[in-house]
Amino acid sequence: MKKLFLLCAIVPSLWMSSCMKTDNYDGPNAALSGTVYDETTKEPFLTGPGEFSIRLLETSWSDNPAPQDLPVKQEGSYQNTKLFQATYTLQPYAGAFWPAAKVEDFKLGDKGTQDFNVVPYLKIKNVKWTLSADNKLSMSCTLEAPVVAGLPQVIEVRPFLSLTPYVGAGSRIDAYFKDEYRALINKNWSEIGDVNTGIGNETYHIDGLQLKSGYTYYVRMGAKVRDTFEKFNYSAIETIKVP
């Protein structure tokens, strides 16, 4: 009986010992960073916080790798310091721009940098705003399409307001994100703009946004088209201090 008990105690120990092998692989210690630029202005692409990503496909070990997405910051930059040293395919993904070119066979060592250029679907132009004596904000803008051929239908124009410098569809004051504060369009570009120059024919007005006295608002205009992701193109951020 004692021999049987001893055997039962030894066998699990041997099994556990055989399973606990040393992991000799290096951890994710590589860093990748860069900036996404607007090809039409050569300036960082105007976006909201984390509204699109750089998609990575690690091609070193698989022909069908699972995607890994690195979020892009509001100022157009991205960074990740916990990647594996490997070979990747890189591409800006799920943003308000025409499909971007892939960077193939990018070999990432301990540190790497890769910038990208994208062409926005729309550009928000001629942004103007006025604040009435009773603190009601009115805004207006026009649109421009850098590429007209094949442009998806334009859905809407609307304002975005925040109490911090981070402002966009994912960082906003919900009270102003209402249908009453948007210009609904749902038209093809040929109905609202010049198909040769890409300059829009319309000025879009948003009125009656009641602001609070003593607050500082960060404000921008956005517009989107009916593509797979329906993300917004944005204007630059304006700072409005309400007396």
Protein backbone atom coordinates (compact mmCIF):
# COMPACT_ATOMS: atom_id res chain seq x y z
CA MET A 1 0.00 0.00 0.00
CA LYS A 2 2.89 2.32 0.83
CA LYS A 3 4.52 1.49 -2.53
CA LEU A 4 1.32 2.38 -4.39
CA PHE A 5 1.02 5.72 -2.55
CA LEU A 6 4.66 6.57 -3.34
CA LEU A 7 4.17 5.76 -7.03
CA CYS A 8 1.08 7.98 -7.20
CA ALA A 9 3.02 10.86 -5.67
CA ILE A 10 6.06 10.51 -7.98
CA VAL A 11 4.26 10.18 -11.35
CA PRO A 12 2.47 13.61 -11.22
CA SER A 13 5.73 15.23 -10.16
CA LEU A 14 7.56 13.76 -13.16
CA TRP A 15 4.74 14.85 -15.48
CA MET A 16 4.84 18.42 -14.16
CA SER A 17 8.62 18.50 -14.48
CA SER A 18 8.47 17.42 -18.14
CA CYS A 19 5.91 20.15 -18.91
CA MET A 20 7.87 23.00 -17.30
CA LYS A 21 10.39 23.64 -20.07
CA THR A 22 12.34 26.89 -20.27
CA ASP A 23 10.97 29.50 -22.71
CA ASN A 24 13.99 30.70 -24.70
CA TYR A 25 12.09 33.12 -26.94
CA ASP A 26 12.61 36.86 -26.52
CA GLY A 27 9.59 38.84 -25.36
CA PRO A 28 8.00 41.67 -27.34
CA ASN A 29 10.73 44.29 -26.95
CA ALA A 30 10.74 46.08 -30.31
CA ALA A 31 9.47 49.63 -30.87
CA LEU A 32 7.73 51.03 -33.95
CA SER A 33 6.68 54.64 -34.47
CA GLY A 34 5.80 57.09 -37.21
CA THR A 35 3.38 59.70 -38.49
CA VAL A 36 0.52 59.62 -40.99
CA TYR A 37 0.56 62.62 -43.33
CA ASP A 38 -2.10 64.20 -45.52
CA GLU A 39 -0.69 63.80 -49.01
CA THR A 40 -2.46 66.96 -50.19
CA THR A 41 -0.94 69.25 -47.54
CA LYS A 42 2.16 67.33 -46.39
CA GLU A 43 0.96 68.04 -42.85
CA PRO A 44 -0.05 65.42 -40.24
CA PHE A 45 -3.43 63.94 -41.07
CA LEU A 46 -6.31 65.59 -39.18
CA THR A 47 -8.13 62.97 -37.13
CA GLY A 48 -9.70 62.32 -33.74
CA PRO A 49 -8.17 60.32 -30.87
CA GLY A 50 -7.73 56.68 -31.88
CA GLU A 51 -10.15 56.85 -34.81
CA PHE A 52 -8.04 54.73 -37.14
CA SER A 53 -5.00 52.52 -36.88
CA ILE A 54 -1.86 51.17 -38.48
CA ARG A 55 -2.61 47.54 -39.26
CA LEU A 56 0.29 45.11 -38.82
CA LEU A 57 0.50 41.63 -40.30
CA GLU A 58 3.46 39.63 -39.01
CA THR A 59 4.56 37.62 -42.05
CA SER A 60 7.68 36.02 -40.54
CA TRP A 61 5.97 32.78 -39.48
CA SER A 62 2.60 32.66 -41.20
CA ASP A 63 1.03 33.18 -44.62
CA ASN A 64 -2.26 34.11 -42.95
CA PRO A 65 -1.36 36.11 -39.82
CA ALA A 66 -3.91 37.66 -37.49
CA PRO A 67 -3.94 41.48 -37.79
CA GLN A 68 -2.66 43.72 -35.02
CA ASP A 69 -3.85 47.35 -34.96
CA LEU A 70 -1.83 50.25 -33.53
CA PRO A 71 -4.07 53.26 -32.77
CA VAL A 72 -3.13 56.58 -34.34
CA LYS A 73 -3.14 59.64 -32.08
CA GLN A 74 -5.05 62.84 -32.80
CA GLU A 75 -1.91 64.56 -34.10
CA GLY A 76 -1.34 61.77 -36.63
CA SER A 77 1.46 59.91 -34.84
CA TYR A 78 1.58 56.34 -33.55
CA GLN A 79 3.93 54.33 -31.34
CA ASN A 80 4.14 50.86 -29.85
CA THR A 81 7.06 49.56 -27.75
CA LYS A 82 5.84 45.99 -27.21
CA LEU A 83 6.22 44.34 -30.61
CA PHE A 84 8.19 41.30 -31.66
CA GLN A 85 11.25 41.69 -33.84
CA ALA A 86 9.91 40.28 -37.09
CA THR A 87 8.91 41.03 -40.67
CA TYR A 88 5.63 42.88 -41.16
CA THR A 89 3.21 44.26 -43.69
CA LEU A 90 2.02 47.72 -42.59
CA GLN A 91 -0.93 49.84 -43.75
CA PRO A 92 -3.08 52.73 -42.45
CA TYR A 93 -6.49 51.17 -41.86
CA ALA A 94 -10.14 52.12 -41.24
CA GLY A 95 -9.76 55.88 -41.57
CA ALA A 96 -11.48 58.63 -43.55
CA PHE A 97 -9.16 58.31 -46.53
CA TRP A 98 -8.73 56.44 -49.78
CA PRO A 99 -7.18 52.96 -49.41
CA ALA A 100 -3.52 53.49 -48.56
CA ALA A 101 -0.56 51.66 -50.06
CA LYS A 102 0.86 48.76 -48.06
CA VAL A 103 4.46 48.63 -46.92
CA GLU A 104 5.59 45.06 -47.56
CA ASP A 105 8.47 43.14 -45.95
CA PHE A 106 9.16 45.73 -43.25
CA LYS A 107 11.90 44.23 -41.07
CA LEU A 108 11.57 45.46 -37.50
CA GLY A 109 14.64 45.16 -35.30
CA ASP A 110 14.81 46.65 -31.82
CA LYS A 111 13.52 49.99 -33.15
CA GLY A 112 11.91 51.15 -36.39
CA THR A 113 10.17 54.14 -37.98
CA GLN A 114 7.65 54.20 -40.80
CA ASP A 115 5.65 57.21 -42.01
CA PHE A 116 2.64 57.05 -44.33
CA ASN A 117 0.82 59.35 -46.77
CA VAL A 118 -2.95 59.16 -47.20
CA VAL A 119 -5.46 61.09 -49.30
CA PRO A 120 -8.56 62.24 -47.34
CA TYR A 121 -11.99 61.69 -48.79
CA LEU A 122 -13.02 65.24 -47.89
CA LYS A 123 -11.41 68.43 -46.69
CA ILE A 124 -13.31 70.84 -44.44
CA LYS A 125 -12.69 74.36 -45.73
CA ASN A 126 -13.59 77.96 -44.85
CA VAL A 127 -14.62 77.20 -41.27
CA LYS A 128 -16.19 80.21 -39.59
CA TRP A 129 -17.87 80.66 -36.24
CA THR A 130 -19.67 83.39 -34.34
CA LEU A 131 -20.78 83.58 -30.73
CA SER A 132 -23.89 85.64 -29.98
CA ALA A 133 -24.42 87.83 -26.92
CA ASP A 134 -26.42 85.01 -25.29
CA ASN A 135 -23.58 82.50 -25.95
CA LYS A 136 -25.14 80.67 -28.87
CA LEU A 137 -22.55 79.30 -31.28
CA SER A 138 -23.06 79.30 -35.05
CA MET A 139 -20.64 77.55 -37.41
CA SER A 140 -20.27 77.14 -41.16
CA CYS A 141 -17.92 75.44 -43.61
CA THR A 142 -17.53 74.25 -47.18
CA LEU A 143 -16.23 70.94 -48.51
CA GLU A 144 -13.58 69.94 -50.98
CA ALA A 145 -12.89 66.52 -52.50
CA PRO A 146 -9.23 65.89 -53.45
CA VAL A 147 -10.35 62.91 -55.55
CA VAL A 148 -13.81 62.96 -57.10
CA ALA A 149 -13.85 59.81 -59.24
CA GLY A 150 -15.37 56.99 -57.21
CA LEU A 151 -16.00 59.14 -54.13
CA PRO A 152 -18.69 57.53 -51.95
CA GLN A 153 -21.86 59.45 -51.23
CA VAL A 154 -21.42 62.33 -48.78
CA ILE A 155 -23.57 61.71 -45.70
CA GLU A 156 -23.38 64.73 -43.40
CA VAL A 157 -21.55 67.67 -41.89
CA ARG A 158 -21.64 68.29 -38.14
CA PRO A 159 -19.75 70.10 -35.35
CA PHE A 160 -17.77 68.46 -32.55
CA LEU A 161 -17.25 70.14 -29.18
CA SER A 162 -15.16 69.11 -26.19
CA LEU A 163 -13.92 70.63 -22.95
CA THR A 164 -10.44 69.20 -23.60
CA PRO A 165 -8.08 69.59 -26.58
CA TYR A 166 -9.02 66.04 -27.62
CA VAL A 167 -12.09 66.33 -29.79
CA GLY A 168 -13.72 64.10 -32.39
CA ALA A 169 -16.35 61.41 -32.79
CA GLY A 170 -14.92 59.45 -29.87
CA SER A 171 -14.20 62.43 -27.63
CA ARG A 172 -17.05 64.92 -27.58
CA ILE A 173 -19.83 66.53 -25.58
CA ASP A 174 -22.85 64.38 -26.39
CA ALA A 175 -25.30 67.25 -25.90
CA TYR A 176 -24.08 68.75 -29.18
CA PHE A 177 -23.92 65.43 -31.05
CA LYS A 178 -27.55 65.49 -32.10
CA ASP A 179 -29.28 65.36 -35.46
CA GLU A 180 -30.61 68.89 -34.94
CA TYR A 181 -26.99 70.08 -35.05
CA ARG A 182 -26.01 68.54 -38.35
CA ALA A 183 -26.41 69.25 -42.03
CA LEU A 184 -27.77 66.03 -43.55
CA ILE A 185 -26.60 65.67 -47.17
CA ASN A 186 -26.87 62.08 -48.52
CA LYS A 187 -25.85 63.14 -52.02
CA ASN A 188 -23.28 62.23 -54.61
CA TRP A 189 -20.49 64.73 -55.21
CA SER A 190 -21.87 65.68 -58.62
CA GLU A 191 -24.92 67.11 -56.82
CA ILE A 192 -22.99 69.27 -54.35
CA GLY A 193 -19.66 70.09 -55.97
CA ASP A 194 -17.61 70.58 -59.11
CA VAL A 195 -16.51 67.23 -60.55
CA ASN A 196 -13.49 68.81 -62.24
CA THR A 197 -12.01 70.94 -59.46
CA GLY A 198 -13.37 69.06 -56.46
CA ILE A 199 -14.58 72.32 -54.90
CA GLY A 200 -17.94 72.14 -53.17
CA ASN A 201 -20.82 74.40 -54.22
CA GLU A 202 -22.54 74.57 -50.82
CA THR A 203 -21.91 76.32 -47.51
CA TYR A 204 -23.17 74.30 -44.56
CA HIS A 205 -24.50 76.17 -41.51
CA ILE A 206 -25.01 74.87 -37.97
CA ASP A 207 -26.76 77.25 -35.57
CA GLY A 208 -28.04 77.43 -32.02
CA LEU A 209 -25.41 75.54 -30.02
CA GLN A 210 -25.89 76.93 -26.52
CA LEU A 211 -22.54 77.25 -24.73
CA LYS A 212 -22.01 77.81 -21.01
CA SER A 213 -20.55 81.01 -19.65
CA GLY A 214 -17.03 80.74 -18.23
CA TYR A 215 -16.09 77.57 -20.13
CA THR A 216 -13.42 77.00 -22.77
CA TYR A 217 -14.52 74.82 -25.68
CA TYR A 218 -12.46 73.00 -28.29
CA VAL A 219 -14.42 72.89 -31.51
CA ARG A 220 -14.07 71.50 -35.02
CA MET A 221 -16.24 70.55 -37.98
CA GLY A 222 -16.45 67.06 -39.47
CA ALA A 223 -17.91 65.36 -42.53
CA LYS A 224 -18.16 61.73 -43.58
CA VAL A 225 -18.87 59.61 -46.63
CA ARG A 226 -20.68 56.30 -47.00
CA ASP A 227 -17.74 53.89 -47.10
CA THR A 228 -17.18 50.73 -45.05
CA PHE A 229 -16.01 52.56 -41.92
CA GLU A 230 -17.88 55.92 -42.09
CA LYS A 231 -15.21 57.84 -40.18
CA PHE A 232 -15.08 61.63 -40.15
CA ASN A 233 -12.74 64.01 -41.91
CA TYR A 234 -12.09 67.04 -39.71
CA SER A 235 -11.11 70.66 -39.74
CA ALA A 236 -8.41 72.01 -37.44
CA ILE A 237 -9.43 72.56 -33.81
CA GLU A 238 -10.64 76.01 -32.76
CA THR A 239 -10.52 77.27 -29.16
CA ILE A 240 -13.55 79.26 -28.02
CA LYS A 241 -13.52 80.95 -24.62
CA VAL A 242 -17.01 81.87 -23.48
CA PRO A 243 -17.15 85.03 -21.33
